[in-house]
Amino acid sequence: MRDQFVHAICGSYSEDSEGFGLRVACNLCVRKNRINIEREGAKSGQEQQAQKMVSLSNSKLPAVDNGTNVVIRVPDLGRGRLARRNVLVVAVDVESSGLYVLGTKEGLLERL
C-alpha cells in the first residue's frame, strides 16, 4: 500500500504537550515551502545572469545614437537557406535598461 500524506496535522502543539511553542508542519507543507525557496533562488539567479549578459554586451559593443544604421546578424536557426545572414536596422530608441528598440522598413522588431 502506498504512503499517503494527510494535510491535517499542520498547526501548533497544545500547552500540555511536550515541545510547546514549536510549529508542526505536514510533509506537504514542508515540501511546498522548499519548492518556493528553490523557485525564488532560481528567479534571482536568472536576474543576475541577465544583468551579467547585458553588462558584457555593453562592454563589447559601442553605444550608438538614435537614427544610426546597424547591421544585425540573423541566427542560423532563425532563417531559411536562402535568407540573408544580416539585416540592416535603425536604432530608434533606447530603453531604460540600456537595450535598443530597432526598426526596419517593415516596422519595429519585437525584441530589444
N, C-alpha and C. Protein backbone atom coordinates (compact mmCIF):
# COMPACT_ATOMS: atom_id res chain seq x y z
N MET A 1 0.83 -1.18 0.00
CA MET A 1 0.00 0.00 0.00
C MET A 1 0.88 1.25 0.00
N ARG A 2 0.52 2.24 -0.81
CA ARG A 2 1.30 3.47 -0.92
C ARG A 2 1.11 4.36 0.30
N ASP A 3 2.18 5.09 0.64
CA ASP A 3 2.06 6.05 1.73
C ASP A 3 1.26 7.25 1.24
N GLN A 4 0.33 7.68 2.03
CA GLN A 4 -0.46 8.86 1.71
C GLN A 4 -0.30 9.86 2.84
N PHE A 5 -0.11 11.13 2.46
CA PHE A 5 0.07 12.18 3.44
C PHE A 5 -1.26 12.90 3.63
N VAL A 6 -1.61 13.08 4.87
CA VAL A 6 -2.85 13.77 5.19
C VAL A 6 -2.49 15.18 5.62
N HIS A 7 -3.12 16.15 5.02
CA HIS A 7 -2.85 17.56 5.28
C HIS A 7 -3.72 18.02 6.46
N ALA A 8 -3.54 17.35 7.60
CA ALA A 8 -4.42 17.65 8.72
C ALA A 8 -3.66 17.97 10.00
N ILE A 9 -2.34 17.78 10.04
CA ILE A 9 -1.65 17.99 11.30
C ILE A 9 -0.91 19.32 11.35
N CYS A 10 -1.09 20.18 10.36
CA CYS A 10 -0.42 21.47 10.40
C CYS A 10 -0.99 22.30 11.54
N GLY A 11 -0.17 22.98 12.24
CA GLY A 11 -0.61 23.80 13.35
C GLY A 11 0.42 23.81 14.44
N SER A 12 0.01 24.04 15.67
CA SER A 12 0.95 24.08 16.78
C SER A 12 0.48 23.14 17.88
N TYR A 13 1.40 22.81 18.77
CA TYR A 13 1.08 21.93 19.89
C TYR A 13 0.19 22.67 20.88
N SER A 14 -0.52 21.90 21.67
CA SER A 14 -1.26 22.50 22.78
C SER A 14 -0.31 22.70 23.95
N GLU A 15 -0.73 23.44 24.96
CA GLU A 15 0.15 23.79 26.07
C GLU A 15 0.61 22.58 26.87
N ASP A 16 -0.23 21.59 26.99
CA ASP A 16 0.13 20.44 27.82
C ASP A 16 1.03 19.44 27.11
N SER A 17 1.26 19.60 25.82
CA SER A 17 2.11 18.64 25.12
C SER A 17 3.56 19.06 25.19
N GLU A 18 4.41 18.10 24.98
CA GLU A 18 5.83 18.35 25.03
C GLU A 18 6.26 19.15 23.80
N GLY A 19 7.13 20.12 23.97
CA GLY A 19 7.57 20.94 22.85
C GLY A 19 6.65 22.10 22.57
N PHE A 20 6.03 22.65 23.60
CA PHE A 20 5.08 23.75 23.43
C PHE A 20 5.76 24.92 22.71
N GLY A 21 5.05 25.51 21.79
CA GLY A 21 5.54 26.67 21.04
C GLY A 21 6.19 26.32 19.72
N LEU A 22 6.45 25.06 19.49
CA LEU A 22 7.04 24.66 18.22
C LEU A 22 5.95 24.48 17.17
N ARG A 23 6.24 24.86 15.95
CA ARG A 23 5.27 24.67 14.88
C ARG A 23 5.50 23.32 14.23
N VAL A 24 4.40 22.65 13.92
CA VAL A 24 4.46 21.36 13.26
C VAL A 24 3.88 21.54 11.87
N ALA A 25 4.55 21.03 10.88
CA ALA A 25 4.06 21.11 9.52
C ALA A 25 4.03 19.72 8.92
N CYS A 26 3.01 19.47 8.14
CA CYS A 26 2.92 18.17 7.49
C CYS A 26 3.92 18.13 6.33
N ASN A 27 4.11 16.95 5.78
CA ASN A 27 5.08 16.78 4.70
C ASN A 27 4.72 17.61 3.47
N LEU A 28 3.44 17.80 3.21
CA LEU A 28 3.03 18.60 2.06
C LEU A 28 3.45 20.06 2.22
N CYS A 29 3.27 20.60 3.41
CA CYS A 29 3.64 22.00 3.65
C CYS A 29 5.16 22.17 3.61
N VAL A 30 5.89 21.24 4.17
CA VAL A 30 7.35 21.31 4.14
C VAL A 30 7.84 21.28 2.69
N ARG A 31 7.27 20.40 1.91
CA ARG A 31 7.67 20.29 0.50
C ARG A 31 7.32 21.56 -0.27
N LYS A 32 6.14 22.11 0.00
CA LYS A 32 5.72 23.33 -0.67
C LYS A 32 6.65 24.49 -0.33
N ASN A 33 7.05 24.60 0.93
CA ASN A 33 7.98 25.66 1.33
C ASN A 33 9.33 25.51 0.66
N ARG A 34 9.82 24.28 0.57
CA ARG A 34 11.11 24.04 -0.10
C ARG A 34 11.04 24.39 -1.58
N ILE A 35 9.92 24.07 -2.23
CA ILE A 35 9.75 24.39 -3.65
C ILE A 35 9.75 25.90 -3.84
N ASN A 36 9.05 26.63 -2.97
CA ASN A 36 9.01 28.09 -3.07
C ASN A 36 10.39 28.70 -2.88
N ILE A 37 11.17 28.17 -1.96
CA ILE A 37 12.53 28.67 -1.74
C ILE A 37 13.39 28.43 -2.97
N GLU A 38 13.28 27.25 -3.58
CA GLU A 38 14.05 26.94 -4.79
C GLU A 38 13.63 27.85 -5.95
N ARG A 39 12.33 28.12 -6.08
CA ARG A 39 11.86 28.99 -7.15
C ARG A 39 12.40 30.41 -7.00
N GLU A 40 12.40 30.92 -5.76
CA GLU A 40 12.93 32.26 -5.52
C GLU A 40 14.42 32.30 -5.85
N GLY A 41 15.15 31.25 -5.49
CA GLY A 41 16.57 31.19 -5.81
C GLY A 41 16.82 31.14 -7.30
N ALA A 42 16.00 30.40 -8.02
CA ALA A 42 16.14 30.31 -9.48
C ALA A 42 15.85 31.66 -10.13
N LYS A 43 14.83 32.35 -9.63
CA LYS A 43 14.48 33.65 -10.19
C LYS A 43 15.60 34.66 -9.98
N SER A 44 16.16 34.70 -8.78
CA SER A 44 17.25 35.64 -8.53
C SER A 44 18.48 35.27 -9.35
N GLY A 45 18.72 33.98 -9.54
CA GLY A 45 19.85 33.56 -10.37
C GLY A 45 19.68 33.98 -11.82
N GLN A 46 18.47 33.88 -12.35
CA GLN A 46 18.22 34.32 -13.72
C GLN A 46 18.37 35.82 -13.87
N GLU A 47 17.94 36.59 -12.87
CA GLU A 47 18.09 38.04 -12.92
C GLU A 47 19.56 38.43 -12.90
N GLN A 48 20.36 37.76 -12.08
CA GLN A 48 21.80 38.03 -12.04
C GLN A 48 22.45 37.68 -13.37
N GLN A 49 22.04 36.57 -13.95
CA GLN A 49 22.59 36.15 -15.24
C GLN A 49 22.24 37.15 -16.33
N ALA A 50 21.01 37.67 -16.32
CA ALA A 50 20.60 38.66 -17.32
C ALA A 50 21.40 39.94 -17.17
N GLN A 51 21.62 40.39 -15.94
CA GLN A 51 22.42 41.59 -15.72
C GLN A 51 23.85 41.39 -16.20
N LYS A 52 24.38 40.21 -15.97
CA LYS A 52 25.75 39.91 -16.41
C LYS A 52 25.83 39.92 -17.94
N MET A 53 24.82 39.35 -18.60
CA MET A 53 24.82 39.33 -20.07
C MET A 53 24.73 40.74 -20.65
N VAL A 54 23.89 41.60 -20.06
CA VAL A 54 23.75 42.96 -20.55
C VAL A 54 25.04 43.74 -20.34
N SER A 55 25.66 43.59 -19.17
CA SER A 55 26.90 44.32 -18.91
C SER A 55 28.03 43.84 -19.84
N LEU A 56 28.08 42.55 -20.12
CA LEU A 56 29.09 42.02 -21.04
C LEU A 56 28.86 42.55 -22.45
N SER A 57 27.59 42.61 -22.87
CA SER A 57 27.25 43.14 -24.18
C SER A 57 27.61 44.62 -24.27
N ASN A 58 27.33 45.38 -23.21
CA ASN A 58 27.65 46.80 -23.22
C ASN A 58 29.14 47.05 -23.27
N SER A 59 29.94 46.17 -22.67
CA SER A 59 31.39 46.35 -22.70
C SER A 59 31.98 45.99 -24.06
N LYS A 60 31.36 45.04 -24.76
CA LYS A 60 31.89 44.62 -26.06
C LYS A 60 31.45 45.52 -27.20
N LEU A 61 30.20 45.96 -27.17
CA LEU A 61 29.64 46.74 -28.28
C LEU A 61 29.58 48.21 -27.93
N PRO A 62 29.94 49.08 -28.88
CA PRO A 62 29.88 50.52 -28.58
C PRO A 62 28.44 51.02 -28.56
N ALA A 63 28.23 52.12 -27.84
CA ALA A 63 26.91 52.74 -27.80
C ALA A 63 26.66 53.46 -29.14
N VAL A 64 25.40 53.48 -29.57
CA VAL A 64 25.04 54.16 -30.81
C VAL A 64 23.97 55.21 -30.52
N ASP A 65 23.91 56.21 -31.38
CA ASP A 65 22.91 57.27 -31.25
C ASP A 65 21.63 56.85 -31.97
N ASN A 66 20.53 57.53 -31.61
CA ASN A 66 19.27 57.28 -32.31
C ASN A 66 19.42 57.67 -33.78
N GLY A 67 18.87 56.85 -34.67
CA GLY A 67 18.94 57.10 -36.10
C GLY A 67 20.16 56.50 -36.78
N THR A 68 20.99 55.82 -36.03
CA THR A 68 22.19 55.20 -36.60
C THR A 68 21.84 53.86 -37.22
N ASN A 69 22.39 53.59 -38.42
CA ASN A 69 22.19 52.30 -39.08
C ASN A 69 23.11 51.27 -38.45
N VAL A 70 22.56 50.08 -38.21
CA VAL A 70 23.30 49.00 -37.57
C VAL A 70 23.02 47.71 -38.34
N VAL A 71 24.04 46.87 -38.49
CA VAL A 71 23.87 45.57 -39.12
C VAL A 71 23.74 44.52 -38.02
N ILE A 72 22.65 43.75 -38.07
CA ILE A 72 22.38 42.71 -37.08
C ILE A 72 22.49 41.35 -37.75
N ARG A 73 23.22 40.43 -37.12
CA ARG A 73 23.35 39.07 -37.66
C ARG A 73 22.12 38.26 -37.28
N VAL A 74 21.56 37.56 -38.25
CA VAL A 74 20.39 36.69 -38.01
C VAL A 74 20.92 35.31 -37.63
N PRO A 75 20.44 34.74 -36.52
CA PRO A 75 20.91 33.40 -36.12
C PRO A 75 20.59 32.36 -37.20
N ASP A 76 21.44 31.36 -37.33
CA ASP A 76 21.26 30.32 -38.34
C ASP A 76 19.95 29.57 -38.15
N LEU A 77 19.53 29.38 -36.92
CA LEU A 77 18.29 28.65 -36.66
C LEU A 77 17.06 29.48 -37.00
N GLY A 78 17.20 30.79 -37.05
CA GLY A 78 16.05 31.65 -37.27
C GLY A 78 15.83 32.04 -38.72
N ARG A 79 16.58 31.47 -39.63
CA ARG A 79 16.43 31.87 -41.03
C ARG A 79 16.42 30.65 -41.95
N GLY A 80 15.92 30.87 -43.15
CA GLY A 80 15.90 29.82 -44.15
C GLY A 80 17.23 29.74 -44.88
N ARG A 81 17.34 28.80 -45.80
CA ARG A 81 18.60 28.62 -46.52
C ARG A 81 18.96 29.82 -47.39
N LEU A 82 17.97 30.40 -48.02
CA LEU A 82 18.24 31.50 -48.94
C LEU A 82 18.05 32.87 -48.31
N ALA A 83 17.72 32.92 -47.05
CA ALA A 83 17.52 34.20 -46.38
C ALA A 83 18.87 34.87 -46.09
N ARG A 84 18.82 36.15 -45.91
CA ARG A 84 20.05 36.91 -45.66
C ARG A 84 20.63 36.55 -44.29
N ARG A 85 21.94 36.68 -44.21
CA ARG A 85 22.61 36.41 -42.94
C ARG A 85 22.58 37.62 -42.02
N ASN A 86 22.47 38.81 -42.60
CA ASN A 86 22.47 40.05 -41.83
C ASN A 86 21.26 40.89 -42.23
N VAL A 87 20.82 41.75 -41.30
CA VAL A 87 19.71 42.65 -41.56
C VAL A 87 20.16 44.06 -41.18
N LEU A 88 19.84 45.03 -42.04
CA LEU A 88 20.16 46.42 -41.76
C LEU A 88 18.99 47.03 -40.98
N VAL A 89 19.27 47.55 -39.79
CA VAL A 89 18.23 48.14 -38.94
C VAL A 89 18.68 49.53 -38.50
N VAL A 90 17.73 50.28 -37.95
CA VAL A 90 18.00 51.62 -37.45
C VAL A 90 17.68 51.63 -35.96
N ALA A 91 18.58 52.21 -35.17
CA ALA A 91 18.33 52.36 -33.73
C ALA A 91 17.31 53.47 -33.55
N VAL A 92 16.11 53.11 -33.06
CA VAL A 92 15.01 54.06 -32.94
C VAL A 92 15.00 54.72 -31.56
N ASP A 93 15.19 53.93 -30.51
CA ASP A 93 15.08 54.46 -29.16
C ASP A 93 15.92 53.60 -28.22
N VAL A 94 16.24 54.14 -27.05
CA VAL A 94 16.97 53.41 -26.02
C VAL A 94 16.05 53.24 -24.82
N GLU A 95 15.88 52.00 -24.37
CA GLU A 95 15.05 51.71 -23.20
C GLU A 95 15.82 52.06 -21.92
N SER A 96 15.12 52.08 -20.80
CA SER A 96 15.76 52.39 -19.52
C SER A 96 16.79 51.34 -19.12
N SER A 97 16.63 50.12 -19.62
CA SER A 97 17.57 49.04 -19.31
C SER A 97 18.84 49.12 -20.14
N GLY A 98 18.90 50.05 -21.10
CA GLY A 98 20.07 50.20 -21.94
C GLY A 98 19.97 49.43 -23.24
N LEU A 99 18.87 48.74 -23.49
CA LEU A 99 18.66 48.00 -24.73
C LEU A 99 18.01 48.91 -25.76
N TYR A 100 18.25 48.62 -27.03
CA TYR A 100 17.78 49.47 -28.12
C TYR A 100 16.51 48.92 -28.76
N VAL A 101 15.63 49.84 -29.15
CA VAL A 101 14.48 49.49 -29.97
C VAL A 101 14.95 49.66 -31.41
N LEU A 102 14.80 48.59 -32.21
CA LEU A 102 15.32 48.60 -33.58
C LEU A 102 14.17 48.56 -34.57
N GLY A 103 14.35 49.26 -35.69
CA GLY A 103 13.32 49.30 -36.71
C GLY A 103 13.89 48.98 -38.08
N THR A 104 13.03 48.44 -38.96
CA THR A 104 13.37 48.16 -40.36
C THR A 104 12.35 48.85 -41.24
N LYS A 105 12.41 48.59 -42.54
CA LYS A 105 11.41 49.15 -43.46
C LYS A 105 10.01 48.64 -43.12
N GLU A 106 9.93 47.41 -42.67
CA GLU A 106 8.64 46.79 -42.39
C GLU A 106 8.07 47.16 -41.02
N GLY A 107 8.86 47.71 -40.13
CA GLY A 107 8.36 48.09 -38.80
C GLY A 107 9.41 47.80 -37.73
N LEU A 108 8.98 47.91 -36.48
CA LEU A 108 9.86 47.69 -35.35
C LEU A 108 10.04 46.21 -35.07
N LEU A 109 11.23 45.85 -34.60
CA LEU A 109 11.48 44.47 -34.20
C LEU A 109 10.86 44.21 -32.84
N GLU A 110 10.41 42.97 -32.62
CA GLU A 110 9.75 42.61 -31.36
C GLU A 110 10.74 42.61 -30.20
N ARG A 111 11.94 42.16 -30.43
CA ARG A 111 12.93 42.06 -29.37
C ARG A 111 13.78 43.31 -29.33
N LEU A 112 14.32 43.58 -28.14
CA LEU A 112 15.19 44.74 -27.96
C LEU A 112 16.61 44.36 -28.27
